N, C-alpha and C. Protein backbone atom coordinates (compact mmCIF):
# COMPACT_ATOMS: atom_id res chain seq x y z
N MET A 1 222.72 -59.20 20.77
CA MET A 1 222.33 -58.07 20.84
C MET A 1 221.80 -57.68 19.37
N ILE A 2 220.53 -56.75 19.77
CA ILE A 2 219.84 -56.39 18.71
C ILE A 2 220.11 -54.36 18.42
N VAL A 3 220.16 -54.30 17.44
CA VAL A 3 220.05 -52.58 17.03
C VAL A 3 218.99 -52.16 16.20
N ILE A 4 218.73 -51.29 16.29
CA ILE A 4 217.30 -50.53 15.32
C ILE A 4 217.93 -48.97 15.22
N PHE A 5 218.15 -48.91 14.09
CA PHE A 5 218.38 -47.42 13.62
C PHE A 5 217.07 -46.64 13.19
N ASP A 6 216.78 -45.63 13.60
CA ASP A 6 215.65 -44.91 13.49
C ASP A 6 215.74 -43.85 12.53
N VAL A 7 215.53 -43.82 11.31
CA VAL A 7 215.64 -42.98 10.17
C VAL A 7 215.19 -41.35 10.57
N ALA A 8 213.96 -41.24 11.17
CA ALA A 8 213.22 -40.17 11.70
C ALA A 8 214.23 -39.50 12.43
N ASP A 9 214.93 -39.91 13.19
CA ASP A 9 215.86 -38.80 14.27
C ASP A 9 217.39 -39.45 14.01
N ALA A 10 217.55 -40.17 12.92
CA ALA A 10 218.95 -40.86 12.67
C ALA A 10 220.03 -41.25 14.22
N SER A 11 218.75 -42.31 15.07
CA SER A 11 219.53 -42.57 16.00
C SER A 11 219.58 -43.95 16.37
N PHE A 12 220.38 -44.58 16.80
CA PHE A 12 220.55 -45.91 17.10
C PHE A 12 220.08 -46.16 18.48
N GLN A 13 219.11 -47.44 18.31
CA GLN A 13 219.08 -48.16 19.86
C GLN A 13 219.32 -49.30 20.07
N PHE A 14 220.16 -49.70 21.16
CA PHE A 14 220.47 -51.23 21.00
C PHE A 14 219.78 -51.80 22.33
N TYR A 15 219.77 -53.05 22.04
CA TYR A 15 219.08 -54.11 23.21
C TYR A 15 219.73 -55.28 23.30
N ASN A 16 219.79 -55.55 24.64
CA ASN A 16 220.70 -56.91 24.96
C ASN A 16 219.17 -57.67 24.95
N GLU A 17 219.71 -59.25 24.79
CA GLU A 17 218.75 -60.33 24.87
C GLU A 17 217.31 -59.84 25.63
N LYS A 18 217.73 -59.84 26.76
CA LYS A 18 216.70 -59.73 27.47
C LYS A 18 215.56 -58.50 27.39
N GLU A 19 216.14 -57.37 27.27
CA GLU A 19 215.48 -56.10 26.73
C GLU A 19 214.67 -56.28 25.48
N TRP A 20 215.33 -57.13 24.60
CA TRP A 20 214.71 -57.39 23.40
C TRP A 20 213.65 -57.92 23.32
N ILE A 21 213.52 -58.90 24.05
CA ILE A 21 212.23 -60.03 24.46
C ILE A 21 211.27 -59.01 25.19
N GLU A 22 211.85 -58.31 25.98
CA GLU A 22 210.71 -57.67 26.61
C GLU A 22 210.01 -56.28 26.09
N THR A 23 210.97 -55.66 25.15
CA THR A 23 210.44 -54.80 24.22
C THR A 23 209.31 -55.39 23.17
N LEU A 24 209.74 -56.81 22.53
CA LEU A 24 209.12 -57.03 21.74
C LEU A 24 207.69 -57.60 22.01
N ASP A 25 207.70 -57.94 23.30
CA ASP A 25 206.23 -58.58 23.96
C ASP A 25 205.72 -57.36 24.07
N VAL A 26 206.15 -56.20 24.71
CA VAL A 26 205.33 -55.06 24.39
C VAL A 26 204.53 -54.98 23.48
N TRP A 27 205.32 -54.65 22.48
CA TRP A 27 205.17 -54.12 20.93
C TRP A 27 203.99 -55.05 20.60
N SER A 28 204.34 -56.23 20.57
CA SER A 28 203.22 -57.29 20.09
C SER A 28 202.10 -57.10 20.51
N GLN A 29 202.03 -56.95 22.02
CA GLN A 29 200.43 -56.98 22.79
C GLN A 29 199.91 -55.47 22.19
N GLU A 30 200.79 -54.56 22.06
CA GLU A 30 200.15 -53.29 21.31
C GLU A 30 199.31 -53.86 19.95
N LEU A 31 200.10 -54.34 19.25
CA LEU A 31 199.48 -54.81 17.68
C LEU A 31 198.54 -55.76 17.87
N ALA A 32 198.52 -56.66 18.88
CA ALA A 32 197.43 -57.75 19.39
C ALA A 32 195.98 -56.88 19.61
N GLU A 33 196.42 -55.75 20.36
CA GLU A 33 195.20 -55.09 20.56
C GLU A 33 194.39 -54.55 19.47
N ASP A 34 195.19 -54.06 18.64
CA ASP A 34 194.92 -53.48 16.96
C ASP A 34 194.36 -54.66 16.23
N GLY A 35 194.65 -56.02 16.95
CA GLY A 35 193.92 -57.09 15.91
C GLY A 35 195.65 -57.58 15.11
N ILE A 36 196.29 -57.27 15.27
CA ILE A 36 197.52 -57.76 14.16
C ILE A 36 198.31 -58.70 15.19
N GLU A 37 198.31 -59.98 14.59
CA GLU A 37 199.02 -61.09 15.39
C GLU A 37 200.46 -61.48 14.62
N THR A 38 201.55 -61.11 15.25
CA THR A 38 202.93 -61.57 14.35
C THR A 38 203.84 -61.91 15.50
N ASP A 39 204.80 -62.57 15.18
CA ASP A 39 206.01 -62.92 16.22
C ASP A 39 207.32 -62.66 15.35
N ASP A 40 207.33 -61.99 14.41
CA ASP A 40 208.23 -61.82 13.32
C ASP A 40 209.01 -60.44 13.98
N MET A 41 210.05 -60.47 13.98
CA MET A 41 210.57 -59.21 14.77
C MET A 41 211.14 -58.10 13.38
N TYR A 42 210.93 -58.48 12.55
CA TYR A 42 211.08 -57.51 11.21
C TYR A 42 209.81 -56.82 11.12
N GLU A 43 208.81 -57.73 11.18
CA GLU A 43 207.66 -57.44 10.71
C GLU A 43 207.22 -56.29 12.06
N ILE A 44 207.36 -56.72 13.23
CA ILE A 44 206.87 -55.89 14.31
C ILE A 44 207.36 -54.51 14.21
N VAL A 45 208.82 -54.45 13.96
CA VAL A 45 209.54 -53.27 13.97
C VAL A 45 208.66 -52.42 12.69
N ASP A 46 208.58 -53.11 11.49
CA ASP A 46 207.92 -52.31 10.42
C ASP A 46 206.76 -51.61 11.19
N LEU A 47 206.04 -52.63 11.70
CA LEU A 47 204.71 -52.02 12.06
C LEU A 47 204.46 -51.02 13.07
N ILE A 48 205.73 -51.15 14.11
CA ILE A 48 205.53 -50.09 14.88
C ILE A 48 206.18 -48.68 14.69
N PHE A 49 207.26 -48.83 13.98
CA PHE A 49 208.02 -47.61 13.31
C PHE A 49 207.52 -47.12 11.96
N GLY A 50 207.05 -47.85 11.04
CA GLY A 50 206.52 -47.66 9.50
C GLY A 50 207.69 -47.98 8.80
N GLU A 51 208.09 -47.28 8.04
CA GLU A 51 209.12 -47.61 6.93
C GLU A 51 210.42 -46.82 7.83
N GLU A 52 210.30 -46.08 8.88
CA GLU A 52 211.14 -45.37 9.19
C GLU A 52 212.29 -45.99 10.27
N ALA A 53 212.47 -47.37 10.46
CA ALA A 53 213.38 -48.35 10.97
C ALA A 53 213.67 -49.15 10.55
N TYR A 54 215.02 -49.76 10.87
CA TYR A 54 215.35 -50.95 10.47
C TYR A 54 216.11 -51.53 11.65
N VAL A 55 216.03 -52.76 11.58
CA VAL A 55 216.52 -53.84 12.88
C VAL A 55 217.24 -54.83 12.35
N GLU A 56 218.34 -55.07 13.34
CA GLU A 56 219.12 -56.06 12.94
C GLU A 56 219.73 -56.94 13.97
N HIS A 57 220.42 -58.12 13.86
CA HIS A 57 221.37 -58.68 15.13
C HIS A 57 222.60 -58.48 14.96
N VAL A 58 223.22 -57.65 15.91
CA VAL A 58 224.56 -57.32 16.06
C VAL A 58 225.60 -58.42 15.93
N PRO A 59 226.25 -58.93 14.96
CA PRO A 59 227.05 -59.97 15.14
C PRO A 59 228.06 -59.98 16.26
N GLU A 60 228.34 -61.01 17.04
CA GLU A 60 229.08 -61.36 18.20
C GLU A 60 230.66 -60.61 17.57
N GLY A 61 231.09 -60.02 18.63
CA GLY A 61 232.36 -59.86 18.65
C GLY A 61 232.49 -58.37 17.91
N TYR A 62 231.55 -57.65 17.36
CA TYR A 62 231.67 -56.36 16.84
C TYR A 62 231.48 -55.32 17.77
N GLN A 63 232.24 -54.20 17.13
CA GLN A 63 232.12 -52.97 18.18
C GLN A 63 231.69 -51.83 17.61
N HIS A 64 231.26 -51.71 16.33
CA HIS A 64 231.07 -50.36 15.42
C HIS A 64 229.82 -50.63 14.78
N VAL A 65 229.32 -49.73 14.34
CA VAL A 65 228.06 -50.19 13.30
C VAL A 65 227.95 -48.68 12.61
N PHE A 66 227.45 -49.41 11.27
CA PHE A 66 227.55 -47.80 10.26
C PHE A 66 226.14 -48.22 9.91
N PHE A 67 225.12 -47.33 9.60
CA PHE A 67 223.71 -47.23 8.99
C PHE A 67 223.90 -46.59 7.64
N ASN A 68 223.76 -47.39 6.36
CA ASN A 68 224.14 -46.77 5.13
C ASN A 68 222.93 -46.47 4.64
N MET A 69 222.41 -45.30 4.18
CA MET A 69 221.26 -44.68 3.63
C MET A 69 221.24 -45.03 2.44
N ASP A 70 222.25 -45.28 1.76
CA ASP A 70 221.97 -45.67 0.16
C ASP A 70 221.53 -46.68 -0.04
N ILE A 71 221.82 -47.72 1.03
CA ILE A 71 221.29 -49.14 0.63
C ILE A 71 220.70 -49.80 1.78
N ASP A 72 220.20 -48.87 2.83
CA ASP A 72 219.03 -48.96 3.90
C ASP A 72 219.64 -50.50 4.22
N ASP A 73 221.03 -50.48 5.00
CA ASP A 73 221.36 -51.56 5.83
C ASP A 73 222.45 -51.09 6.65
N PHE A 74 223.00 -51.92 7.56
CA PHE A 74 223.87 -51.90 8.52
C PHE A 74 225.23 -52.62 8.09
N GLU A 75 226.26 -51.97 8.46
CA GLU A 75 227.51 -52.38 8.22
C GLU A 75 228.09 -52.47 9.64
N PHE A 76 228.66 -53.66 10.04
CA PHE A 76 229.31 -53.72 11.24
C PHE A 76 230.82 -54.12 11.01
N TYR A 77 231.69 -53.60 12.05
CA TYR A 77 233.00 -53.47 11.97
C TYR A 77 233.44 -54.18 13.34
N ARG A 78 234.47 -54.86 13.50
CA ARG A 78 235.19 -55.15 14.48
C ARG A 78 236.47 -53.76 14.61
N ASP A 79 237.00 -53.75 15.75
CA ASP A 79 238.12 -52.61 16.08
C ASP A 79 238.72 -52.68 15.08
N TYR A 80 239.68 -53.69 14.44
CA TYR A 80 240.60 -53.67 13.55
C TYR A 80 240.09 -53.14 12.39
N GLN A 81 238.76 -53.52 11.89
CA GLN A 81 238.34 -53.38 10.38
C GLN A 81 237.96 -51.73 10.44
N PHE A 82 237.33 -51.31 11.88
CA PHE A 82 237.10 -50.13 11.59
C PHE A 82 238.23 -48.98 11.46
N LYS A 83 239.00 -49.12 11.85
CA LYS A 83 240.04 -48.12 11.64
C LYS A 83 240.45 -47.72 10.06
N ASP A 84 240.32 -49.10 9.05
CA ASP A 84 240.62 -48.68 7.57
C ASP A 84 239.15 -47.85 7.15
N ALA A 85 238.00 -48.26 7.80
CA ALA A 85 236.67 -47.52 7.25
C ALA A 85 236.87 -45.95 7.85
N ILE A 86 237.35 -45.88 8.92
CA ILE A 86 237.00 -44.46 9.59
C ILE A 86 238.20 -43.75 8.73
N ASN A 87 239.38 -44.35 8.49
CA ASN A 87 240.44 -43.51 7.87
C ASN A 87 240.09 -43.46 6.28
N GLU A 88 239.20 -44.15 5.84
CA GLU A 88 238.84 -43.78 4.41
C GLU A 88 237.89 -42.46 4.27
N ILE A 89 236.96 -42.55 5.51
CA ILE A 89 236.27 -41.30 5.46
C ILE A 89 237.08 -40.11 5.89
N ILE A 90 237.83 -40.43 6.86
CA ILE A 90 238.57 -39.02 7.26
C ILE A 90 239.60 -38.83 6.07
N TRP A 91 240.11 -39.29 5.47
CA TRP A 91 240.89 -39.25 4.32
C TRP A 91 240.20 -38.10 3.09
N GLN A 92 238.73 -38.41 2.78
CA GLN A 92 238.03 -37.57 2.00
C GLN A 92 237.76 -35.90 2.40
N THR A 93 238.43 -35.69 3.64
CA THR A 93 238.41 -34.41 4.17
C THR A 93 239.64 -33.60 3.58
N GLY A 94 240.73 -34.49 3.75
CA GLY A 94 242.15 -33.76 3.58
C GLY A 94 242.82 -33.23 5.02
N LYS A 95 241.65 -33.92 5.96
CA LYS A 95 242.40 -33.15 7.30
C LYS A 95 242.69 -34.47 8.24
N SER A 96 243.25 -33.94 9.55
CA SER A 96 243.51 -35.05 10.36
C SER A 96 242.45 -35.36 11.36
N LEU A 97 242.53 -36.39 11.87
CA LEU A 97 241.24 -37.02 12.85
C LEU A 97 241.22 -36.00 13.81
N GLU A 98 242.49 -35.35 14.43
CA GLU A 98 242.73 -34.47 15.36
C GLU A 98 242.12 -32.99 15.03
N ASP A 99 242.45 -32.61 13.86
CA ASP A 99 241.50 -31.22 13.59
C ASP A 99 240.28 -31.52 13.21
N LEU A 100 239.79 -32.72 12.80
CA LEU A 100 238.31 -33.01 12.53
C LEU A 100 237.35 -32.81 14.10
N LEU A 101 237.92 -33.38 15.01
CA LEU A 101 237.49 -33.58 16.34
C LEU A 101 237.47 -31.97 16.73
N GLU A 102 238.46 -31.27 16.42
CA GLU A 102 238.14 -29.97 17.08
C GLU A 102 237.13 -28.80 16.40
N GLU A 103 236.42 -29.67 15.26
CA GLU A 103 235.35 -28.94 14.56
C GLU A 103 234.04 -29.65 15.07
N TYR A 104 234.33 -30.90 15.22
CA TYR A 104 232.82 -31.29 15.26
C TYR A 104 232.78 -32.04 16.75
N ASP A 105 231.51 -32.52 17.29
CA ASP A 105 231.31 -32.93 18.44
C ASP A 105 231.81 -34.30 18.85
N ASP A 106 231.86 -35.22 17.97
CA ASP A 106 232.47 -36.55 17.96
C ASP A 106 232.59 -37.38 16.43
N LEU A 107 233.09 -38.14 16.66
CA LEU A 107 233.19 -39.28 15.52
C LEU A 107 232.23 -39.45 14.67
N ALA A 108 230.88 -39.49 15.24
CA ALA A 108 229.52 -39.58 14.57
C ALA A 108 229.12 -38.42 13.68
N ALA A 109 229.31 -37.26 14.27
CA ALA A 109 229.33 -35.90 13.75
C ALA A 109 230.26 -35.87 12.52
N ILE A 110 231.46 -36.23 12.38
CA ILE A 110 232.30 -36.49 11.52
C ILE A 110 231.70 -37.21 10.11
N VAL A 111 231.51 -38.45 10.82
CA VAL A 111 231.01 -39.41 9.45
C VAL A 111 229.59 -39.06 9.13
N GLN A 112 228.87 -38.40 9.70
CA GLN A 112 227.41 -38.00 9.14
C GLN A 112 227.62 -36.78 8.16
N ASP A 113 228.60 -35.82 8.27
CA ASP A 113 228.84 -34.56 7.58
C ASP A 113 229.71 -34.80 6.40
N VAL A 114 230.70 -35.63 6.52
CA VAL A 114 231.63 -35.98 5.53
C VAL A 114 230.98 -37.03 4.59
N THR A 115 229.76 -37.48 5.00
CA THR A 115 229.29 -38.26 3.81
C THR A 115 228.08 -37.99 3.51
N ASN A 116 227.67 -36.75 3.73
CA ASN A 116 226.21 -36.05 3.18
C ASN A 116 225.22 -36.84 3.82
N GLY A 117 225.24 -37.20 5.16
CA GLY A 117 223.97 -38.04 5.69
C GLY A 117 223.99 -39.25 4.74
N ASP A 118 224.77 -39.91 4.03
CA ASP A 118 224.80 -41.45 3.71
C ASP A 118 224.92 -42.36 4.62
N LEU A 119 226.07 -41.94 5.44
CA LEU A 119 226.53 -42.85 6.53
C LEU A 119 226.33 -42.27 7.95
N TYR A 120 225.79 -43.34 9.11
CA TYR A 120 225.74 -42.88 10.31
C TYR A 120 226.42 -43.98 11.17
N TYR A 121 226.61 -43.27 12.50
CA TYR A 121 228.04 -44.40 13.04
C TYR A 121 227.63 -44.36 14.59
N GLU A 122 227.76 -45.36 15.13
CA GLU A 122 227.81 -45.34 16.41
C GLU A 122 228.55 -46.65 17.14
N ALA A 123 229.45 -46.31 17.97
CA ALA A 123 230.24 -47.61 18.56
C ALA A 123 229.18 -48.17 19.34
N ILE A 124 229.30 -49.73 19.50
CA ILE A 124 228.38 -50.75 20.33
C ILE A 124 228.99 -50.62 21.31
């Protein structure tokens, strides 16, 4: 599985292997029409999105992803690791998860707000 984090709209896009190969092929063709030849996925994403997106392979067996704006990188967690990570974020508020979920639409909104936009979250 592949994940792209688009900084412009703070969204995650996930691709299975088949979807990713098809998407890379389309993007490669678009770039080739502009005279740019490359098969490196990182370079293709940079050329398509500019500096506004990051791409990475999702390690097998991971269910959660953060994008950390401070270091411009992904952080992947398994369920058992995620509990500690999210509890640390929730602890900063001094509130319970139940109270926060009454205030926010979802866990992603809590993470984004509590970290002042430094972390973005999505379940895989």
